[in-house]
Amino acid sequence: MGRRRLPMSARTRASSALAFRRRPPYHLRAETLKFATGSLVSSWTDPDSKTTVSQSQSLFSPILRLNAINGRPALLFKTKQQLIGPSPFGKTTTITVMAVVKTGPKFDTVFRAIFALWQGGEKWWFGAVTRKFVAFTANNSYKAMDSAAFTLDAAYVVTFTSSFKSGAHVYKNGKQVGSTTFVIPAPSGPKDFGIGGKANGSSDSWDGHIAEVVAWSTVLSTSQRQVAEACLMKKYGL
């Protein structure tokens, strides 16, 4: 008996899932850190993707918690911590960033950044304000506002995409919750990518945990995005 071929849609989903699981271009997983719970993390390198972010000052280093999100490890960012590394996006302005986060139990209403993208001195970042996920421009005006407030002390898979063709979109646990015509502009200089905040010591850093970050220098198709989000939601029991 010959091998049964999957329908095209099934083959596409399987291929997308396999590509996601094997080696995304930019990938950080807290589960790869070999430290005791409560340790300050000054460097985070994923052994598969070789992605590296770091922090030279202990005051701004996040804390590893081994049982943070449904039994899985995550880094705790308490409003001033941040890890920084090279941008995964090169010269492209088309991006997808996906993160597994947990909001703090006393999350306040000020700006809180999950990640920041530097482009020749300009900062473009994605995070939350008034307990809603949102994208921010360099002057801190916000776009692509989440349509509903998130729950405190709760975990989510959040996704941000941006392209000149389709604008920016925000997704929460696989469902679109905001969109806008705002896009990441063309790079004007060297680029860096920050996890957990937008500037060392800034009060705008994330308030809660970050367990995993995945990024692509393209906007994933709907099926690709949904497969990747479903993989993360299943992994973290969301």
C-alpha atoms as a PDB file:
ATOM      1  CA  MET A   1       0.000   0.000   0.000  1.00  0.00           C
ATOM      2  CA  GLY A   2       1.397   3.412  -0.965  1.00  0.00           C
ATOM      3  CA  ARG A   3       1.791   6.277   1.453  1.00  0.00           C
ATOM      4  CA  ARG A   4      -1.348   8.376   1.899  1.00  0.00           C
ATOM      5  CA  ARG A   5      -0.775  11.974   0.864  1.00  0.00           C
ATOM      6  CA  LEU A   6      -2.139  14.629   3.151  1.00  0.00           C
ATOM      7  CA  PRO A   7      -4.552  17.160   1.671  1.00  0.00           C
ATOM      8  CA  MET A   8      -2.837  20.410   0.720  1.00  0.00           C
ATOM      9  CA  SER A   9      -4.206  22.297   3.754  1.00  0.00           C
ATOM     10  CA  ALA A  10      -3.022  19.553   6.119  1.00  0.00           C
ATOM     11  CA  ARG A  11       0.424  19.431   4.468  1.00  0.00           C
ATOM     12  CA  THR A  12       0.710  23.208   4.842  1.00  0.00           C
ATOM     13  CA  ARG A  13      -0.213  23.080   8.537  1.00  0.00           C
ATOM     14  CA  ALA A  14       2.188  20.200   9.182  1.00  0.00           C
ATOM     15  CA  SER A  15       4.996  21.983   7.347  1.00  0.00           C
ATOM     16  CA  SER A  16       4.350  25.207   9.251  1.00  0.00           C
ATOM     17  CA  ALA A  17       4.352  23.399  12.594  1.00  0.00           C
ATOM     18  CA  LEU A  18       7.544  21.537  11.721  1.00  0.00           C
ATOM     19  CA  ALA A  19       9.300  24.729  10.656  1.00  0.00           C
ATOM     20  CA  PHE A  20       8.229  26.427  13.881  1.00  0.00           C
ATOM     21  CA  ARG A  21       9.399  23.587  16.078  1.00  0.00           C
ATOM     22  CA  ARG A  22      12.712  23.042  14.352  1.00  0.00           C
ATOM     23  CA  ARG A  23      14.418  26.431  14.224  1.00  0.00           C
ATOM     24  CA  PRO A  24      12.699  29.806  13.956  1.00  0.00           C
ATOM     25  CA  PRO A  25      15.105  32.580  12.885  1.00  0.00           C
ATOM     26  CA  TYR A  26      14.879  34.287  16.312  1.00  0.00           C
ATOM     27  CA  HIS A  27      13.896  32.213  19.319  1.00  0.00           C
ATOM     28  CA  LEU A  28      14.417  32.501  23.067  1.00  0.00           C
ATOM     29  CA  ARG A  29      13.101  29.920  25.555  1.00  0.00           C
ATOM     30  CA  ALA A  30      13.439  30.244  29.329  1.00  0.00           C
ATOM     31  CA  GLU A  31      13.482  26.434  29.565  1.00  0.00           C
ATOM     32  CA  THR A  32      17.000  26.435  28.085  1.00  0.00           C
ATOM     33  CA  LEU A  33      18.457  28.398  31.017  1.00  0.00           C
ATOM     34  CA  LYS A  34      20.434  26.186  33.410  1.00  0.00           C
ATOM     35  CA  PHE A  35      20.188  28.271  36.580  1.00  0.00           C
ATOM     36  CA  ALA A  36      18.486  27.863  39.940  1.00  0.00           C
ATOM     37  CA  THR A  37      15.181  29.603  40.512  1.00  0.00           C
ATOM     38  CA  GLY A  38      15.718  33.129  41.772  1.00  0.00           C
ATOM     39  CA  SER A  39      18.938  33.604  39.768  1.00  0.00           C
ATOM     40  CA  LEU A  40      19.634  36.894  38.030  1.00  0.00           C
ATOM     41  CA  VAL A  41      19.944  36.318  34.278  1.00  0.00           C
ATOM     42  CA  SER A  42      22.587  38.475  32.584  1.00  0.00           C
ATOM     43  CA  SER A  43      22.720  36.455  29.352  1.00  0.00           C
ATOM     44  CA  TRP A  44      20.113  34.368  27.532  1.00  0.00           C
ATOM     45  CA  THR A  45      21.239  32.253  24.556  1.00  0.00           C
ATOM     46  CA  ASP A  46      19.016  29.733  22.822  1.00  0.00           C
ATOM     47  CA  PRO A  47      21.067  26.650  21.858  1.00  0.00           C
ATOM     48  CA  ASP A  48      19.038  25.967  18.704  1.00  0.00           C
ATOM     49  CA  SER A  49      18.497  29.397  17.162  1.00  0.00           C
ATOM     50  CA  LYS A  50      21.754  30.828  18.617  1.00  0.00           C
ATOM     51  CA  THR A  51      19.811  33.965  19.526  1.00  0.00           C
ATOM     52  CA  THR A  52      21.519  35.905  22.339  1.00  0.00           C
ATOM     53  CA  VAL A  53      20.416  38.812  24.510  1.00  0.00           C
ATOM     54  CA  SER A  54      22.288  40.124  27.533  1.00  0.00           C
ATOM     55  CA  GLN A  55      22.444  42.708  30.299  1.00  0.00           C
ATOM     56  CA  SER A  56      25.690  44.101  31.727  1.00  0.00           C
ATOM     57  CA  GLN A  57      24.131  45.567  34.884  1.00  0.00           C
ATOM     58  CA  SER A  58      22.722  43.285  37.577  1.00  0.00           C
ATOM     59  CA  LEU A  59      20.254  45.978  38.639  1.00  0.00           C
ATOM     60  CA  PHE A  60      18.523  45.577  35.272  1.00  0.00           C
ATOM     61  CA  SER A  61      18.779  41.774  34.971  1.00  0.00           C
ATOM     62  CA  PRO A  62      15.530  39.748  35.099  1.00  0.00           C
ATOM     63  CA  ILE A  63      15.016  36.874  37.562  1.00  0.00           C
ATOM     64  CA  LEU A  64      14.511  33.228  36.560  1.00  0.00           C
ATOM     65  CA  ARG A  65      11.445  31.510  38.011  1.00  0.00           C
ATOM     66  CA  LEU A  66      11.249  27.774  37.299  1.00  0.00           C
ATOM     67  CA  ASN A  67       7.529  27.313  37.968  1.00  0.00           C
ATOM     68  CA  ALA A  68       6.125  30.529  36.540  1.00  0.00           C
ATOM     69  CA  ILE A  69       3.566  29.579  33.868  1.00  0.00           C
ATOM     70  CA  ASN A  70       1.709  26.312  34.458  1.00  0.00           C
ATOM     71  CA  GLY A  71       4.848  24.557  35.688  1.00  0.00           C
ATOM     72  CA  ARG A  72       7.167  26.004  33.058  1.00  0.00           C
ATOM     73  CA  PRO A  73      10.040  28.476  33.629  1.00  0.00           C
ATOM     74  CA  ALA A  74       9.975  32.156  32.706  1.00  0.00           C
ATOM     75  CA  LEU A  75      11.931  35.331  33.369  1.00  0.00           C
ATOM     76  CA  LEU A  76      10.464  37.843  35.811  1.00  0.00           C
ATOM     77  CA  PHE A  77      10.707  41.478  34.726  1.00  0.00           C
ATOM     78  CA  LYS A  78       9.806  43.880  37.525  1.00  0.00           C
ATOM     79  CA  THR A  79       9.414  47.216  35.701  1.00  0.00           C
ATOM     80  CA  LYS A  80      13.129  48.045  35.210  1.00  0.00           C
ATOM     81  CA  GLN A  81      14.711  44.918  33.729  1.00  0.00           C
ATOM     82  CA  GLN A  82      15.712  44.385  30.102  1.00  0.00           C
ATOM     83  CA  LEU A  83      17.855  42.120  27.908  1.00  0.00           C
ATOM     84  CA  ILE A  84      19.275  43.470  24.638  1.00  0.00           C
ATOM     85  CA  GLY A  85      20.717  41.862  21.509  1.00  0.00           C
ATOM     86  CA  PRO A  86      21.007  42.304  17.736  1.00  0.00           C
ATOM     87  CA  SER A  87      17.759  42.847  15.863  1.00  0.00           C
ATOM     88  CA  PRO A  88      16.495  39.754  14.013  1.00  0.00           C
ATOM     89  CA  PHE A  89      14.953  41.863  11.265  1.00  0.00           C
ATOM     90  CA  GLY A  90      17.908  43.186   9.267  1.00  0.00           C
ATOM     91  CA  LYS A  91      16.736  45.827   6.794  1.00  0.00           C
ATOM     92  CA  THR A  92      13.191  44.535   6.527  1.00  0.00           C
ATOM     93  CA  THR A  93      10.204  46.438   7.877  1.00  0.00           C
ATOM     94  CA  THR A  94       7.972  43.376   7.730  1.00  0.00           C
ATOM     95  CA  ILE A  95       7.891  41.531  11.057  1.00  0.00           C
ATOM     96  CA  THR A  96       6.089  39.018  13.260  1.00  0.00           C
ATOM     97  CA  VAL A  97       6.890  38.808  16.973  1.00  0.00           C
ATOM     98  CA  MET A  98       5.211  36.222  19.203  1.00  0.00           C
ATOM     99  CA  ALA A  99       5.688  36.036  22.974  1.00  0.00           C
ATOM    100  CA  VAL A 100       4.442  33.968  25.893  1.00  0.00           C
ATOM    101  CA  VAL A 101       3.903  36.378  28.776  1.00  0.00           C
ATOM    102  CA  LYS A 102       2.275  36.503  32.180  1.00  0.00           C
ATOM    103  CA  THR A 103       0.966  39.778  33.537  1.00  0.00           C
ATOM    104  CA  GLY A 104       1.913  40.872  37.027  1.00  0.00           C
ATOM    105  CA  PRO A 105      -0.620  40.523  39.875  1.00  0.00           C
ATOM    106  CA  LYS A 106      -0.597  44.313  40.389  1.00  0.00           C
ATOM    107  CA  PHE A 107      -0.132  45.438  36.792  1.00  0.00           C
ATOM    108  CA  ASP A 108      -0.626  49.206  36.640  1.00  0.00           C
ATOM    109  CA  THR A 109      -1.820  51.491  33.858  1.00  0.00           C
ATOM    110  CA  VAL A 110       1.490  53.018  32.663  1.00  0.00           C
ATOM    111  CA  PHE A 111       3.336  51.900  29.530  1.00  0.00           C
ATOM    112  CA  ARG A 112       4.892  48.431  29.838  1.00  0.00           C
ATOM    113  CA  ALA A 113       7.097  47.098  27.017  1.00  0.00           C
ATOM    114  CA  ILE A 114       7.391  43.407  26.078  1.00  0.00           C
ATOM    115  CA  PHE A 115       9.925  44.167  23.355  1.00  0.00           C
ATOM    116  CA  ALA A 116      11.505  47.213  21.740  1.00  0.00           C
ATOM    117  CA  LEU A 117      13.073  47.699  18.319  1.00  0.00           C
ATOM    118  CA  TRP A 118      15.782  50.335  17.852  1.00  0.00           C
ATOM    119  CA  GLN A 119      16.339  51.774  14.379  1.00  0.00           C
ATOM    120  CA  GLY A 120      19.036  54.408  14.213  1.00  0.00           C
ATOM    121  CA  GLY A 121      18.052  55.846  17.580  1.00  0.00           C
ATOM    122  CA  GLU A 122      14.296  55.508  17.118  1.00  0.00           C
ATOM    123  CA  LYS A 123      12.376  53.116  19.362  1.00  0.00           C
ATOM    124  CA  TRP A 124       9.306  51.217  18.232  1.00  0.00           C
ATOM    125  CA  TRP A 125       7.838  48.889  20.783  1.00  0.00           C
ATOM    126  CA  PHE A 126       5.051  46.529  21.701  1.00  0.00           C
ATOM    127  CA  GLY A 127       3.589  46.097  25.165  1.00  0.00           C
ATOM    128  CA  ALA A 128       0.592  47.246  27.150  1.00  0.00           C
ATOM    129  CA  VAL A 129      -1.147  50.288  28.551  1.00  0.00           C
ATOM    130  CA  THR A 130      -4.336  50.430  30.624  1.00  0.00           C
ATOM    131  CA  ARG A 131      -4.125  46.607  30.720  1.00  0.00           C
ATOM    132  CA  LYS A 132      -4.441  46.311  26.945  1.00  0.00           C
ATOM    133  CA  PHE A 133      -1.832  45.028  24.471  1.00  0.00           C
ATOM    134  CA  VAL A 134      -0.746  47.735  22.050  1.00  0.00           C
ATOM    135  CA  ALA A 135       1.976  48.863  19.628  1.00  0.00           C
ATOM    136  CA  PHE A 136       3.784  52.149  20.284  1.00  0.00           C
ATOM    137  CA  THR A 137       5.527  54.595  17.979  1.00  0.00           C
ATOM    138  CA  ALA A 138       8.782  56.372  18.830  1.00  0.00           C
ATOM    139  CA  ASN A 139       7.012  59.271  20.544  1.00  0.00           C
ATOM    140  CA  ASN A 140       4.966  56.874  22.733  1.00  0.00           C
ATOM    141  CA  SER A 141       1.709  57.402  20.869  1.00  0.00           C
ATOM    142  CA  TYR A 142       0.002  54.049  20.594  1.00  0.00           C
ATOM    143  CA  LYS A 143      -1.699  52.169  17.791  1.00  0.00           C
ATOM    144  CA  ALA A 144      -3.322  48.756  17.233  1.00  0.00           C
ATOM    145  CA  MET A 145      -5.031  48.872  20.624  1.00  0.00           C
ATOM    146  CA  ASP A 146      -6.298  45.613  22.099  1.00  0.00           C
ATOM    147  CA  SER A 147     -10.102  45.648  22.198  1.00  0.00           C
ATOM    148  CA  ALA A 148     -10.401  44.207  25.722  1.00  0.00           C
ATOM    149  CA  ALA A 149      -8.409  44.440  28.935  1.00  0.00           C
ATOM    150  CA  PHE A 150      -6.392  41.405  29.968  1.00  0.00           C
ATOM    151  CA  THR A 151      -6.709  39.663  33.322  1.00  0.00           C
ATOM    152  CA  LEU A 152      -4.125  40.354  36.017  1.00  0.00           C
ATOM    153  CA  ASP A 153      -1.696  37.553  36.929  1.00  0.00           C
ATOM    154  CA  ALA A 154      -2.672  35.611  33.774  1.00  0.00           C
ATOM    155  CA  ALA A 155      -0.670  34.109  30.893  1.00  0.00           C
ATOM    156  CA  TYR A 156      -1.132  34.849  27.182  1.00  0.00           C
ATOM    157  CA  VAL A 157       0.407  34.209  23.785  1.00  0.00           C
ATOM    158  CA  VAL A 158       0.564  37.674  22.226  1.00  0.00           C
ATOM    159  CA  THR A 159       1.518  38.370  18.598  1.00  0.00           C
ATOM    160  CA  PHE A 160       2.403  41.609  16.817  1.00  0.00           C
ATOM    161  CA  THR A 161       2.754  41.881  13.037  1.00  0.00           C
ATOM    162  CA  SER A 162       3.604  44.845  10.834  1.00  0.00           C
ATOM    163  CA  SER A 163       3.974  45.379   7.085  1.00  0.00           C
ATOM    164  CA  PHE A 164       3.481  48.218   4.625  1.00  0.00           C
ATOM    165  CA  LYS A 165       0.894  46.149   2.785  1.00  0.00           C
ATOM    166  CA  SER A 166      -1.361  45.169   5.671  1.00  0.00           C
ATOM    167  CA  GLY A 167      -0.540  47.573   8.516  1.00  0.00           C
ATOM    168  CA  ALA A 168      -0.089  46.356  12.088  1.00  0.00           C
ATOM    169  CA  HIS A 169      -2.113  43.714  13.903  1.00  0.00           C
ATOM    170  CA  VAL A 170      -2.282  42.502  17.494  1.00  0.00           C
ATOM    171  CA  TYR A 171      -3.390  38.966  18.421  1.00  0.00           C
ATOM    172  CA  LYS A 172      -4.099  37.522  21.868  1.00  0.00           C
ATOM    173  CA  ASN A 173      -4.231  33.728  22.267  1.00  0.00           C
ATOM    174  CA  GLY A 174      -4.702  33.361  18.516  1.00  0.00           C
ATOM    175  CA  LYS A 175      -7.488  35.927  18.090  1.00  0.00           C
ATOM    176  CA  GLN A 176      -7.051  39.332  16.467  1.00  0.00           C
ATOM    177  CA  VAL A 177      -7.806  42.053  19.008  1.00  0.00           C
ATOM    178  CA  GLY A 178      -6.509  45.198  17.278  1.00  0.00           C
ATOM    179  CA  SER A 179      -5.263  46.626  13.976  1.00  0.00           C
ATOM    180  CA  THR A 180      -4.072  49.901  12.484  1.00  0.00           C
ATOM    181  CA  THR A 181      -2.382  51.354   9.409  1.00  0.00           C
ATOM    182  CA  PHE A 182       0.703  52.084  11.561  1.00  0.00           C
ATOM    183  CA  VAL A 183       3.827  50.238  10.369  1.00  0.00           C
ATOM    184  CA  ILE A 184       7.461  49.914  11.442  1.00  0.00           C
ATOM    185  CA  PRO A 185       9.408  52.426   9.291  1.00  0.00           C
ATOM    186  CA  ALA A 186      12.470  51.704   7.185  1.00  0.00           C
ATOM    187  CA  PRO A 187      15.660  51.386   9.300  1.00  0.00           C
ATOM    188  CA  SER A 188      17.788  54.527   9.510  1.00  0.00           C
ATOM    189  CA  GLY A 189      20.802  52.985  11.235  1.00  0.00           C
ATOM    190  CA  PRO A 190      22.033  50.098  13.419  1.00  0.00           C
ATOM    191  CA  LYS A 191      19.253  48.066  14.951  1.00  0.00           C
ATOM    192  CA  ASP A 192      18.898  46.327  18.300  1.00  0.00           C
ATOM    193  CA  PHE A 193      16.112  44.313  19.841  1.00  0.00           C
ATOM    194  CA  GLY A 194      15.213  44.564  23.527  1.00  0.00           C
ATOM    195  CA  ILE A 195      13.278  41.963  25.529  1.00  0.00           C
ATOM    196  CA  GLY A 196      11.275  43.098  28.556  1.00  0.00           C
ATOM    197  CA  GLY A 197      11.691  46.850  28.150  1.00  0.00           C
ATOM    198  CA  LYS A 198      12.789  49.778  26.032  1.00  0.00           C
ATOM    199  CA  ALA A 199      15.646  51.358  28.014  1.00  0.00           C
ATOM    200  CA  ASN A 200      17.793  50.354  30.992  1.00  0.00           C
ATOM    201  CA  GLY A 201      16.225  51.624  34.174  1.00  0.00           C
ATOM    202  CA  SER A 202      13.134  52.834  32.375  1.00  0.00           C
ATOM    203  CA  SER A 203       9.920  52.568  34.369  1.00  0.00           C
ATOM    204  CA  ASP A 204       8.296  51.386  31.131  1.00  0.00           C
ATOM    205  CA  SER A 205       9.677  47.838  31.333  1.00  0.00           C
ATOM    206  CA  TRP A 206       7.426  44.785  31.490  1.00  0.00           C
ATOM    207  CA  ASP A 207       5.657  43.980  34.760  1.00  0.00           C
ATOM    208  CA  GLY A 208       5.410  40.187  34.823  1.00  0.00           C
ATOM    209  CA  HIS A 209       6.979  37.098  33.237  1.00  0.00           C
ATOM    210  CA  ILE A 210       8.247  36.322  29.733  1.00  0.00           C
ATOM    211  CA  ALA A 211       8.732  32.617  28.981  1.00  0.00           C
ATOM    212  CA  GLU A 212       9.389  32.536  25.237  1.00  0.00           C
ATOM    213  CA  VAL A 213       9.898  34.952  22.331  1.00  0.00           C
ATOM    214  CA  VAL A 214       9.821  34.047  18.626  1.00  0.00           C
ATOM    215  CA  ALA A 215      10.362  36.474  15.751  1.00  0.00           C
ATOM    216  CA  TRP A 216      10.344  36.335  11.954  1.00  0.00           C
ATOM    217  CA  SER A 217      11.386  38.998   9.431  1.00  0.00           C
ATOM    218  CA  THR A 218       8.107  38.511   7.593  1.00  0.00           C
ATOM    219  CA  VAL A 219       4.405  38.507   8.329  1.00  0.00           C
ATOM    220  CA  LEU A 220       3.355  34.896   8.747  1.00  0.00           C
ATOM    221  CA  SER A 221       0.372  33.681   6.783  1.00  0.00           C
ATOM    222  CA  THR A 222      -2.810  33.187   8.772  1.00  0.00           C
ATOM    223  CA  SER A 223      -2.335  29.409   8.862  1.00  0.00           C
ATOM    224  CA  GLN A 224       1.347  29.686   9.826  1.00  0.00           C
ATOM    225  CA  ARG A 225       0.581  32.137  12.627  1.00  0.00           C
ATOM    226  CA  GLN A 226      -2.290  30.039  13.957  1.00  0.00           C
ATOM    227  CA  VAL A 227      -0.152  26.878  13.989  1.00  0.00           C
ATOM    228  CA  ALA A 228       2.675  28.655  15.840  1.00  0.00           C
ATOM    229  CA  GLU A 229       0.265  30.195  18.357  1.00  0.00           C
ATOM    230  CA  ALA A 230      -1.468  26.830  18.877  1.00  0.00           C
ATOM    231  CA  CYS A 231       1.906  25.152  19.529  1.00  0.00           C
ATOM    232  CA  LEU A 232       2.747  27.706  22.214  1.00  0.00           C
ATOM    233  CA  MET A 233      -0.708  27.643  23.778  1.00  0.00           C
ATOM    234  CA  LYS A 234      -0.592  23.860  24.048  1.00  0.00           C
ATOM    235  CA  LYS A 235       2.950  23.896  25.400  1.00  0.00           C
ATOM    236  CA  TYR A 236       2.071  26.350  28.180  1.00  0.00           C
ATOM    237  CA  GLY A 237      -1.396  25.001  28.908  1.00  0.00           C
ATOM    238  CA  LEU A 238      -3.264  28.109  27.766  1.00  0.00           C
END
